[in-house]
Amino acid sequence: MMALSFPGTTGRGVRIAVIDSGVHPAHPHIDGTRLLGGVAITREGRVEDDLEAILDRLGHGTAVSAAIQQGAPGADLLTVRVFREALRASAVALIAAIDWAIAAKADIINLSLGSTNAAHRDAFAHAAARADDAGIVLVAAHAVDGVPCWPGALPSVLGVALDPECPIGACRAIAREGRTVFAAAGVPRSIDGVPPRLNLYGVSFAVARMSGFAALALEALRSARGDATGAQDVREALVRAAD
């Protein structure tokens, strides 16, 4: 386990689509100047693009966005709201959200959750392939309670596992089922006066941490090689940095 280091990088110039419960721009942990707007996606896959539609009423998306900004403060965030009354969304909505992010020219897609229903695997595989073809790094939870989670369990996706012992600024590259999965801390930004055990916690925030790391890696690669940098390049850079 090592702290990732991409000297001089903040994620500047990197666009991250955060598929979650929206964002609260006025929250003290959020840099509103780095929010690029976004959309909400209904369970049926319909796109709603008014500003009110992307406001977070659960707090989860705001905490995920804040964790990404903590790790990559120079990155720009696109908000894609799929969770409404609870942290549940249809596969149709998640796939529509991925496709919207592709069309919006995101560089990284942060999908904290996913589906453990194997019947959804192929549909997510097609969506992940579209993202990969566009050079987009799709970051998602690899598994939930030991059950493969789609699309995070797909080979083309940067799959993330939870590591309770991992410091916030570090990750581990681990081998699982013949592929590399990244393990990271599952904690959001701390809240003054609130004990960590009462704050949010889980693989969603490990995914957010890895999206931040991916943004730093992408900025570093672009600086060295130019804009022709693909998702596989980012994965390889993260493996090297985590070794």
Protein backbone atom coordinates (compact mmCIF):
# COMPACT_ATOMS: atom_id res chain seq x y z
CA MET A 1 0.00 0.00 0.00
CA MET A 2 1.39 3.37 -1.01
CA ALA A 3 0.24 6.97 -1.08
CA LEU A 4 -0.34 7.95 -4.70
CA SER A 5 1.84 10.77 -5.93
CA PHE A 6 1.39 12.70 -9.15
CA PRO A 7 3.42 15.84 -8.29
CA GLY A 8 1.94 19.17 -9.28
CA THR A 9 -1.44 17.76 -10.30
CA THR A 10 -4.89 18.72 -9.05
CA GLY A 11 -7.03 17.14 -11.77
CA ARG A 12 -7.17 20.41 -13.69
CA GLY A 13 -8.76 20.08 -17.10
CA VAL A 14 -10.40 16.74 -16.20
CA ARG A 15 -14.18 16.39 -16.38
CA ILE A 16 -15.72 13.89 -13.95
CA ALA A 17 -19.36 12.84 -14.27
CA VAL A 18 -20.72 11.91 -10.83
CA ILE A 19 -23.68 9.53 -11.13
CA ASP A 20 -25.36 9.70 -7.74
CA SER A 21 -28.07 11.60 -5.83
CA GLY A 22 -27.13 15.05 -7.14
CA VAL A 23 -25.19 17.79 -5.40
CA HIS A 24 -25.82 20.63 -2.96
CA PRO A 25 -23.72 23.49 -4.42
CA ALA A 26 -23.84 25.58 -1.23
CA HIS A 27 -22.42 22.85 1.01
CA PRO A 28 -19.16 24.03 2.65
CA HIS A 29 -17.31 20.95 1.35
CA ILE A 30 -18.25 21.74 -2.26
CA ASP A 31 -16.37 24.13 -4.55
CA GLY A 32 -19.29 25.40 -6.61
CA THR A 33 -16.97 27.04 -9.14
CA ARG A 34 -15.99 23.53 -10.29
CA LEU A 35 -19.56 22.37 -10.92
CA LEU A 36 -20.51 22.28 -14.60
CA GLY A 37 -24.22 21.58 -14.12
CA GLY A 38 -25.80 18.35 -15.23
CA VAL A 39 -29.04 16.41 -15.49
CA ALA A 40 -31.34 14.07 -13.62
CA ILE A 41 -32.28 10.69 -15.08
CA THR A 42 -35.63 9.09 -14.24
CA ARG A 43 -36.12 5.36 -13.67
CA GLU A 44 -37.38 5.14 -17.25
CA GLY A 45 -34.23 6.81 -18.59
CA ARG A 46 -35.79 10.19 -19.29
CA VAL A 47 -33.44 13.18 -18.99
CA GLU A 48 -34.43 16.22 -16.93
CA ASP A 49 -32.10 19.18 -17.34
CA ASP A 50 -33.43 21.97 -15.12
CA LEU A 51 -31.22 23.12 -12.24
CA GLU A 52 -33.72 22.04 -9.59
CA ALA A 53 -33.59 18.47 -10.90
CA ILE A 54 -29.95 17.91 -9.86
CA LEU A 55 -30.23 19.20 -6.29
CA ASP A 56 -29.25 16.56 -3.73
CA ARG A 57 -31.91 15.71 -1.16
CA LEU A 58 -30.18 12.65 0.29
CA GLY A 59 -26.69 14.00 0.96
CA HIS A 60 -24.89 11.02 -0.56
CA GLY A 61 -24.04 12.61 -3.90
CA THR A 62 -22.81 15.76 -2.18
CA ALA A 63 -20.52 13.71 0.07
CA VAL A 64 -19.22 11.71 -2.91
CA SER A 65 -18.59 14.92 -4.89
CA ALA A 66 -16.81 16.45 -1.89
CA ALA A 67 -14.55 13.40 -1.56
CA ILE A 68 -13.63 13.66 -5.24
CA GLN A 69 -12.92 17.36 -4.89
CA GLN A 70 -10.79 16.73 -1.80
CA GLY A 71 -8.55 14.43 -3.83
CA ALA A 72 -8.67 16.33 -7.14
CA PRO A 73 -9.61 19.95 -6.35
CA GLY A 74 -8.88 21.16 -9.88
CA ALA A 75 -11.25 18.75 -11.63
CA ASP A 76 -14.61 19.87 -12.99
CA LEU A 77 -17.71 17.90 -12.02
CA LEU A 78 -20.77 17.05 -14.06
CA THR A 79 -23.72 16.05 -11.88
CA VAL A 80 -25.93 13.15 -13.01
CA ARG A 81 -28.70 12.51 -10.51
CA VAL A 82 -30.22 9.02 -10.57
CA PHE A 83 -31.07 8.49 -6.87
CA ARG A 84 -34.15 10.25 -5.55
CA GLU A 85 -35.95 9.07 -2.40
CA ALA A 86 -33.32 6.39 -1.66
CA LEU A 87 -30.02 5.02 -2.98
CA ARG A 88 -31.79 2.90 -5.57
CA ALA A 89 -31.99 3.31 -9.32
CA SER A 90 -33.02 1.14 -12.25
CA ALA A 91 -30.46 -0.38 -14.60
CA VAL A 92 -32.11 1.62 -17.35
CA ALA A 93 -31.41 4.86 -15.47
CA LEU A 94 -27.79 3.94 -14.75
CA ILE A 95 -27.09 3.03 -18.36
CA ALA A 96 -28.80 6.20 -19.58
CA ALA A 97 -26.62 8.14 -17.13
CA ILE A 98 -23.46 6.53 -18.50
CA ASP A 99 -24.53 7.36 -22.06
CA TRP A 100 -25.32 10.96 -21.10
CA ALA A 101 -21.86 11.30 -19.56
CA ILE A 102 -20.28 9.94 -22.73
CA ALA A 103 -22.19 12.46 -24.84
CA ALA A 104 -21.18 15.24 -22.43
CA LYS A 105 -17.51 14.35 -23.05
CA ALA A 106 -16.67 13.35 -19.51
CA ASP A 107 -13.14 12.04 -19.00
CA ILE A 108 -14.05 9.98 -15.94
CA ILE A 109 -17.40 8.54 -14.85
CA ASN A 110 -17.84 7.96 -11.11
CA LEU A 111 -20.49 5.33 -10.45
CA SER A 112 -20.43 4.54 -6.75
CA LEU A 113 -22.95 1.74 -6.95
CA GLY A 114 -24.31 -0.56 -9.66
CA SER A 115 -26.37 -3.72 -10.04
CA THR A 116 -25.72 -7.16 -8.57
CA ASN A 117 -28.36 -8.65 -10.86
CA ALA A 118 -26.50 -10.86 -13.34
CA ALA A 119 -29.30 -10.33 -15.85
CA HIS A 120 -28.05 -6.76 -16.25
CA ARG A 121 -24.46 -7.76 -17.04
CA ASP A 122 -24.68 -7.63 -20.82
CA ALA A 123 -26.45 -4.28 -20.93
CA PHE A 124 -23.80 -2.79 -18.64
CA ALA A 125 -21.05 -4.43 -20.72
CA HIS A 126 -22.30 -2.64 -23.83
CA ALA A 127 -22.44 0.69 -21.96
CA ALA A 128 -18.95 0.15 -20.54
CA ALA A 129 -17.65 -0.66 -24.03
CA ARG A 130 -19.10 2.61 -25.33
CA ALA A 131 -17.31 4.49 -22.56
CA ASP A 132 -14.05 2.64 -23.21
CA ASP A 133 -14.28 3.34 -26.96
CA ALA A 134 -14.63 7.04 -26.11
CA GLY A 135 -11.48 6.90 -23.95
CA ILE A 136 -13.46 7.46 -20.76
CA VAL A 137 -12.37 5.95 -17.44
CA LEU A 138 -15.41 4.32 -15.84
CA VAL A 139 -14.86 3.91 -12.07
CA ALA A 140 -17.33 1.72 -10.18
CA ALA A 141 -17.74 -0.61 -7.23
CA HIS A 142 -16.33 -4.06 -8.05
CA ALA A 143 -18.55 -6.04 -5.68
CA VAL A 144 -21.12 -5.65 -2.92
CA ASP A 145 -20.90 -8.12 -0.01
CA GLY A 146 -18.85 -10.43 -2.21
CA VAL A 147 -21.34 -10.40 -5.08
CA PRO A 148 -20.08 -9.03 -8.44
CA CYS A 149 -21.47 -5.58 -9.13
CA TRP A 150 -22.08 -4.44 -12.68
CA PRO A 151 -20.49 -2.59 -14.38
CA GLY A 152 -17.63 -2.50 -11.83
CA ALA A 153 -16.88 -6.22 -12.20
CA LEU A 154 -16.27 -5.85 -15.95
CA PRO A 155 -12.66 -6.03 -17.20
CA SER A 156 -12.84 -2.68 -19.01
CA VAL A 157 -13.97 -0.85 -15.85
CA LEU A 158 -11.74 0.44 -13.08
CA GLY A 159 -13.21 -1.71 -10.33
CA VAL A 160 -12.91 -0.58 -6.72
CA ALA A 161 -13.04 -2.45 -3.42
CA LEU A 162 -13.27 -1.13 0.11
CA ASP A 163 -10.18 -1.24 2.34
CA PRO A 164 -10.95 -0.09 5.91
CA GLU A 165 -7.21 0.08 6.72
CA CYS A 166 -6.25 2.25 3.77
CA PRO A 167 -5.34 5.91 4.44
CA ILE A 168 -7.29 8.51 2.47
CA GLY A 169 -4.34 9.38 0.22
CA ALA A 170 -3.43 5.81 -0.67
CA CYS A 171 -4.73 2.75 -2.49
CA ARG A 172 -3.76 -0.85 -3.19
CA ALA A 173 -3.74 -2.66 -6.52
CA ILE A 174 -4.93 -6.21 -5.89
CA ALA A 175 -5.49 -9.23 -8.15
CA ARG A 176 -9.00 -10.63 -8.25
CA GLU A 177 -10.20 -13.22 -10.74
CA GLY A 178 -7.40 -12.49 -13.17
CA ARG A 179 -7.72 -8.71 -13.19
CA THR A 180 -6.55 -5.73 -11.19
CA VAL A 181 -8.93 -4.15 -8.70
CA PHE A 182 -8.11 -1.08 -6.63
CA ALA A 183 -8.82 -0.96 -2.91
CA ALA A 184 -9.21 2.42 -1.22
CA ALA A 185 -10.56 4.10 1.90
CA GLY A 186 -14.34 4.19 2.18
CA VAL A 187 -14.67 7.47 4.04
CA PRO A 188 -15.97 10.88 2.95
CA ARG A 189 -14.57 14.20 4.10
CA SER A 190 -14.70 14.53 7.87
CA ILE A 191 -17.28 16.82 9.46
CA ASP A 192 -16.17 19.02 12.32
CA GLY A 193 -17.65 17.85 15.60
CA VAL A 194 -19.06 14.62 14.14
CA PRO A 195 -17.35 11.33 15.15
CA PRO A 196 -16.29 9.28 12.10
CA ARG A 197 -18.58 6.41 13.14
CA LEU A 198 -21.58 8.72 12.71
CA ASN A 199 -20.53 9.92 9.28
CA LEU A 200 -21.23 8.16 5.97
CA TYR A 201 -19.04 5.19 5.07
CA GLY A 202 -18.74 2.49 2.42
CA VAL A 203 -17.51 1.45 -1.01
CA SER A 204 -19.15 4.53 -2.57
CA PHE A 205 -16.41 6.64 -1.06
CA ALA A 206 -13.66 4.22 -2.05
CA VAL A 207 -14.91 4.72 -5.62
CA ALA A 208 -14.85 8.50 -5.15
CA ARG A 209 -11.27 8.34 -3.85
CA MET A 210 -10.22 6.35 -6.93
CA SER A 211 -11.96 8.81 -9.26
CA GLY A 212 -9.89 11.55 -7.68
CA PHE A 213 -6.70 9.52 -8.14
CA ALA A 214 -7.67 8.80 -11.75
CA ALA A 215 -8.08 12.53 -12.39
CA LEU A 216 -4.56 13.20 -11.09
CA ALA A 217 -3.15 10.38 -13.23
CA LEU A 218 -4.97 11.64 -16.32
CA GLU A 219 -3.69 15.19 -15.85
CA ALA A 220 -0.14 13.87 -15.44
CA LEU A 221 -0.40 11.68 -18.54
CA ARG A 222 -1.78 14.51 -20.64
CA SER A 223 1.04 16.75 -19.51
CA ALA A 224 3.57 14.12 -20.58
CA ARG A 225 1.91 12.76 -23.71
CA GLY A 226 -0.78 15.17 -24.85
CA ASP A 227 -4.51 14.58 -25.01
CA ALA A 228 -4.32 11.18 -26.73
CA THR A 229 -4.59 9.26 -23.46
CA GLY A 230 -7.02 6.37 -23.05
CA ALA A 231 -8.66 4.63 -20.13
CA GLN A 232 -6.14 1.78 -20.21
CA ASP A 233 -3.29 4.29 -19.90
CA VAL A 234 -4.86 5.67 -16.73
CA ARG A 235 -5.35 2.20 -15.24
CA GLU A 236 -1.72 1.31 -15.94
CA ALA A 237 -0.50 4.58 -14.41
CA LEU A 238 -2.51 3.89 -11.26
CA VAL A 239 -1.12 0.35 -11.02
CA ARG A 240 2.43 1.72 -11.27
CA ALA A 241 1.73 4.40 -8.68
CA ALA A 242 0.10 1.96 -6.27
CA ASP A 243 2.92 -0.62 -6.44
